[in-house]
N, C-alpha and C. Protein backbone atom coordinates (compact mmCIF):
# COMPACT_ATOMS: atom_id res chain seq x y z
N MET A 1 23.74 -52.08 -122.37
CA MET A 1 24.45 -53.15 -121.90
C MET A 1 25.85 -53.04 -122.51
N ILE A 2 26.82 -53.38 -121.75
CA ILE A 2 28.33 -53.28 -122.09
C ILE A 2 28.59 -54.86 -122.20
N GLU A 3 29.34 -55.12 -123.43
CA GLU A 3 29.85 -56.52 -123.58
C GLU A 3 31.46 -56.38 -123.39
N TRP A 4 31.72 -57.43 -122.61
CA TRP A 4 33.15 -57.38 -122.23
C TRP A 4 33.93 -58.35 -122.86
N GLU A 5 35.28 -58.31 -123.00
CA GLU A 5 36.13 -59.39 -123.49
C GLU A 5 37.32 -59.39 -122.56
N MET A 6 38.09 -60.46 -122.62
CA MET A 6 39.28 -60.53 -121.67
C MET A 6 40.32 -60.07 -122.53
N SER A 7 41.29 -59.39 -122.03
CA SER A 7 42.47 -58.86 -122.60
C SER A 7 43.56 -59.79 -122.51
N THR A 8 44.67 -59.73 -123.24
CA THR A 8 45.80 -60.56 -123.06
C THR A 8 46.42 -60.66 -121.59
N LYS A 9 46.08 -59.67 -120.86
CA LYS A 9 46.49 -59.59 -119.37
C LYS A 9 45.45 -60.07 -118.47
N ASP A 10 44.47 -60.75 -119.02
CA ASP A 10 43.35 -61.31 -118.07
C ASP A 10 42.61 -60.33 -117.38
N ILE A 11 42.30 -59.19 -117.99
CA ILE A 11 41.38 -58.21 -117.48
C ILE A 11 40.33 -58.10 -118.42
N GLN A 12 39.17 -57.57 -117.88
CA GLN A 12 37.92 -57.31 -118.83
C GLN A 12 38.18 -55.84 -119.29
N VAL A 13 37.89 -55.87 -120.70
CA VAL A 13 37.91 -54.66 -121.51
C VAL A 13 36.65 -54.58 -122.28
N ALA A 14 36.05 -53.44 -122.06
CA ALA A 14 34.70 -53.24 -122.86
C ALA A 14 34.92 -53.21 -124.29
N LYS A 15 34.18 -53.94 -124.97
CA LYS A 15 34.26 -54.16 -126.42
C LYS A 15 33.08 -53.46 -127.13
N PHE A 16 31.89 -53.57 -126.63
CA PHE A 16 30.66 -52.94 -127.36
C PHE A 16 29.83 -52.44 -126.23
N ILE A 17 28.98 -51.40 -126.62
CA ILE A 17 27.90 -51.02 -125.64
C ILE A 17 26.60 -50.92 -126.57
N THR A 18 25.46 -51.39 -125.99
CA THR A 18 24.26 -51.32 -126.82
C THR A 18 23.18 -50.40 -125.98
N CYS A 19 22.56 -49.55 -126.63
CA CYS A 19 21.64 -48.71 -126.15
C CYS A 19 20.41 -49.55 -125.89
N ASP A 20 19.91 -49.55 -124.62
CA ASP A 20 18.73 -50.38 -124.23
C ASP A 20 17.45 -50.00 -124.78
N ARG A 21 17.50 -48.77 -125.37
CA ARG A 21 16.23 -48.36 -125.98
C ARG A 21 16.13 -48.51 -127.54
N CYS A 22 17.06 -47.98 -128.19
CA CYS A 22 17.19 -48.14 -129.62
C CYS A 22 17.91 -49.37 -130.18
N LYS A 23 18.53 -50.06 -129.34
CA LYS A 23 19.20 -51.39 -129.56
C LYS A 23 20.45 -51.19 -130.40
N ARG A 24 20.93 -49.92 -130.87
CA ARG A 24 22.07 -49.72 -131.59
C ARG A 24 23.37 -50.07 -130.75
N ARG A 25 24.09 -50.95 -131.63
CA ARG A 25 25.38 -51.46 -130.83
C ARG A 25 26.52 -50.52 -131.25
N TYR A 26 27.16 -50.00 -130.38
CA TYR A 26 28.34 -49.17 -130.56
C TYR A 26 29.68 -49.89 -130.20
N SER A 27 30.70 -49.81 -130.94
CA SER A 27 31.96 -50.41 -130.85
C SER A 27 32.93 -49.37 -130.22
N TYR A 28 33.55 -49.96 -129.11
CA TYR A 28 34.63 -49.02 -128.58
C TYR A 28 35.70 -48.78 -129.37
N GLU A 29 35.93 -49.44 -130.46
CA GLU A 29 37.00 -49.29 -131.41
C GLU A 29 36.61 -48.19 -132.48
N ASP A 30 35.43 -48.20 -132.88
CA ASP A 30 34.85 -47.31 -133.84
C ASP A 30 34.11 -46.11 -133.49
N ASP A 31 33.33 -46.11 -132.49
CA ASP A 31 32.39 -45.17 -131.98
C ASP A 31 32.77 -44.53 -130.69
N MET A 32 33.94 -44.31 -130.32
CA MET A 32 34.43 -43.60 -129.09
C MET A 32 33.69 -42.42 -128.79
N LEU A 33 33.54 -41.43 -129.64
CA LEU A 33 32.92 -40.13 -129.41
C LEU A 33 31.41 -40.41 -128.99
N ASP A 34 30.71 -41.27 -129.67
CA ASP A 34 29.44 -41.53 -129.22
C ASP A 34 29.25 -42.18 -127.95
N ILE A 35 30.06 -43.21 -127.66
CA ILE A 35 30.30 -44.02 -126.37
C ILE A 35 30.50 -42.95 -125.25
N GLN A 36 31.30 -41.86 -125.49
CA GLN A 36 31.69 -40.84 -124.29
C GLN A 36 30.32 -40.14 -123.94
N GLU A 37 29.35 -40.25 -124.67
CA GLU A 37 28.03 -39.52 -124.33
C GLU A 37 26.97 -40.48 -124.02
N PHE A 38 27.37 -41.77 -123.75
CA PHE A 38 26.34 -42.70 -123.18
C PHE A 38 26.10 -42.39 -121.78
N HIS A 39 24.89 -42.76 -121.28
CA HIS A 39 24.56 -42.58 -119.85
C HIS A 39 24.10 -43.85 -119.40
N ARG A 40 24.58 -44.16 -118.17
CA ARG A 40 24.07 -45.39 -117.35
C ARG A 40 23.29 -44.84 -116.19
N ILE A 41 22.23 -45.49 -116.09
CA ILE A 41 21.39 -45.34 -115.13
C ILE A 41 21.37 -46.64 -114.25
N ARG A 42 21.64 -46.55 -112.95
CA ARG A 42 21.89 -47.71 -112.21
C ARG A 42 21.43 -47.37 -110.60
N PHE A 43 20.55 -48.08 -110.05
CA PHE A 43 20.30 -47.90 -108.62
C PHE A 43 19.53 -49.06 -108.04
N ILE A 44 19.40 -49.22 -106.88
CA ILE A 44 18.62 -50.10 -106.19
C ILE A 44 17.34 -49.49 -105.72
N ALA A 45 16.28 -49.94 -106.07
CA ALA A 45 14.91 -49.27 -105.81
C ALA A 45 14.64 -49.52 -104.25
N GLY A 46 14.21 -48.54 -103.78
CA GLY A 46 13.84 -48.50 -102.29
C GLY A 46 12.30 -48.71 -101.99
N TYR A 47 12.03 -48.74 -100.74
CA TYR A 47 10.76 -48.86 -100.17
C TYR A 47 9.82 -47.81 -100.67
N ALA A 48 8.65 -48.08 -101.30
CA ALA A 48 7.67 -47.20 -101.71
C ALA A 48 8.11 -46.49 -103.01
N SER A 49 9.03 -46.97 -103.76
CA SER A 49 9.46 -46.45 -105.00
C SER A 49 8.43 -46.90 -106.05
N ALA A 50 8.63 -46.23 -107.33
CA ALA A 50 7.78 -46.79 -108.43
C ALA A 50 8.32 -48.19 -108.86
N PHE A 51 9.47 -48.64 -108.39
CA PHE A 51 9.92 -50.06 -108.94
C PHE A 51 9.85 -50.89 -107.58
N ASP A 52 9.97 -52.16 -107.71
CA ASP A 52 9.81 -53.08 -106.67
C ASP A 52 10.98 -52.90 -105.51
N ASP A 53 10.65 -52.87 -104.33
CA ASP A 53 11.73 -52.70 -103.34
C ASP A 53 12.82 -53.70 -103.42
N GLY A 54 13.99 -53.14 -103.55
CA GLY A 54 15.15 -54.02 -103.52
C GLY A 54 15.64 -54.44 -104.92
N ASP A 55 14.89 -54.16 -106.11
CA ASP A 55 15.20 -54.32 -107.35
C ASP A 55 16.54 -53.65 -107.79
N GLU A 56 17.47 -54.24 -108.35
CA GLU A 56 18.46 -53.48 -108.93
C GLU A 56 18.16 -52.94 -110.41
N ILE A 57 18.07 -51.76 -110.71
CA ILE A 57 17.70 -51.30 -111.93
C ILE A 57 18.89 -50.69 -112.66
N SER A 58 19.05 -51.09 -114.06
CA SER A 58 20.12 -50.77 -114.84
C SER A 58 19.79 -50.38 -116.31
N CYS A 59 20.22 -49.34 -116.85
CA CYS A 59 19.78 -48.92 -118.21
C CYS A 59 20.92 -48.12 -118.67
N ASP A 60 21.25 -48.64 -120.00
CA ASP A 60 22.36 -47.78 -120.75
C ASP A 60 21.72 -47.11 -121.84
N LEU A 61 21.91 -45.78 -122.02
CA LEU A 61 21.09 -45.06 -123.11
C LEU A 61 22.11 -44.16 -123.91
N CYS A 62 22.04 -44.12 -125.28
CA CYS A 62 22.74 -43.37 -126.07
C CYS A 62 22.29 -41.84 -126.00
N SER A 63 22.98 -40.97 -126.16
CA SER A 63 22.65 -39.54 -126.02
C SER A 63 21.38 -39.22 -126.78
N LYS A 64 21.08 -39.68 -127.80
CA LYS A 64 19.86 -39.50 -128.77
C LYS A 64 18.73 -39.95 -127.94
N CYS A 65 18.72 -41.13 -127.52
CA CYS A 65 17.56 -41.70 -126.79
C CYS A 65 17.38 -40.99 -125.47
N LEU A 66 18.40 -40.74 -124.79
CA LEU A 66 18.19 -39.98 -123.55
C LEU A 66 17.63 -38.59 -123.76
N ARG A 67 17.91 -37.89 -124.72
CA ARG A 67 17.23 -36.58 -125.21
C ARG A 67 15.83 -36.88 -125.43
N GLU A 68 15.51 -37.81 -126.25
CA GLU A 68 14.15 -37.96 -126.62
C GLU A 68 13.29 -38.30 -125.43
N LEU A 69 13.80 -38.94 -124.47
CA LEU A 69 13.00 -39.42 -123.31
C LEU A 69 12.87 -38.29 -122.33
N VAL A 70 13.85 -37.45 -122.09
CA VAL A 70 13.86 -36.39 -121.05
C VAL A 70 13.89 -34.95 -121.39
N TRP A 71 14.05 -34.63 -122.68
CA TRP A 71 14.32 -33.27 -123.11
C TRP A 71 13.23 -32.32 -122.54
N ASP A 72 11.93 -32.83 -122.70
CA ASP A 72 10.77 -31.86 -122.26
C ASP A 72 10.91 -31.55 -120.71
N TYR A 73 11.69 -32.33 -120.04
CA TYR A 73 11.72 -31.99 -118.55
C TYR A 73 13.05 -31.37 -118.11
N CYS A 74 13.94 -31.06 -119.15
CA CYS A 74 15.31 -30.56 -118.73
C CYS A 74 15.32 -29.09 -118.53
N ARG A 75 16.22 -28.57 -117.68
CA ARG A 75 16.72 -27.18 -117.61
C ARG A 75 18.13 -27.01 -118.04
N ILE A 76 18.33 -25.95 -118.90
CA ILE A 76 19.74 -25.65 -119.16
C ILE A 76 20.21 -24.73 -118.20
N VAL A 77 21.24 -25.16 -117.20
CA VAL A 77 21.77 -24.56 -116.08
C VAL A 77 23.04 -23.83 -116.24
N ASN A 78 23.63 -23.78 -117.36
CA ASN A 78 24.82 -23.14 -117.52
C ASN A 78 24.61 -21.76 -118.16
N GLU A 79 23.58 -21.15 -118.21
CA GLU A 79 23.32 -19.86 -118.81
C GLU A 79 24.15 -18.74 -118.01
N GLU A 80 24.56 -17.78 -118.63
CA GLU A 80 25.31 -16.65 -117.96
C GLU A 80 24.19 -15.70 -117.60
N GLY A 81 24.52 -14.98 -116.52
CA GLY A 81 23.70 -13.84 -116.18
C GLY A 81 23.04 -13.98 -114.78
């Protein structure tokens, strides 16, 4: 989840992002390298999906949590040869 604040120019600026799995809260001011590796999953579920039809699904995951959840199913595709 991204927490926004209004800037002095009346535009929204991201201030914090929280991993929806581990609940660690990252600051855009202090944790920029970690935040660059965050992953947002967002889609609208369709008919016959594992989710309810029409539900909007959103999830923000830090790279550590994403790896723990999907590493066993991943392929490294940038191998030479």
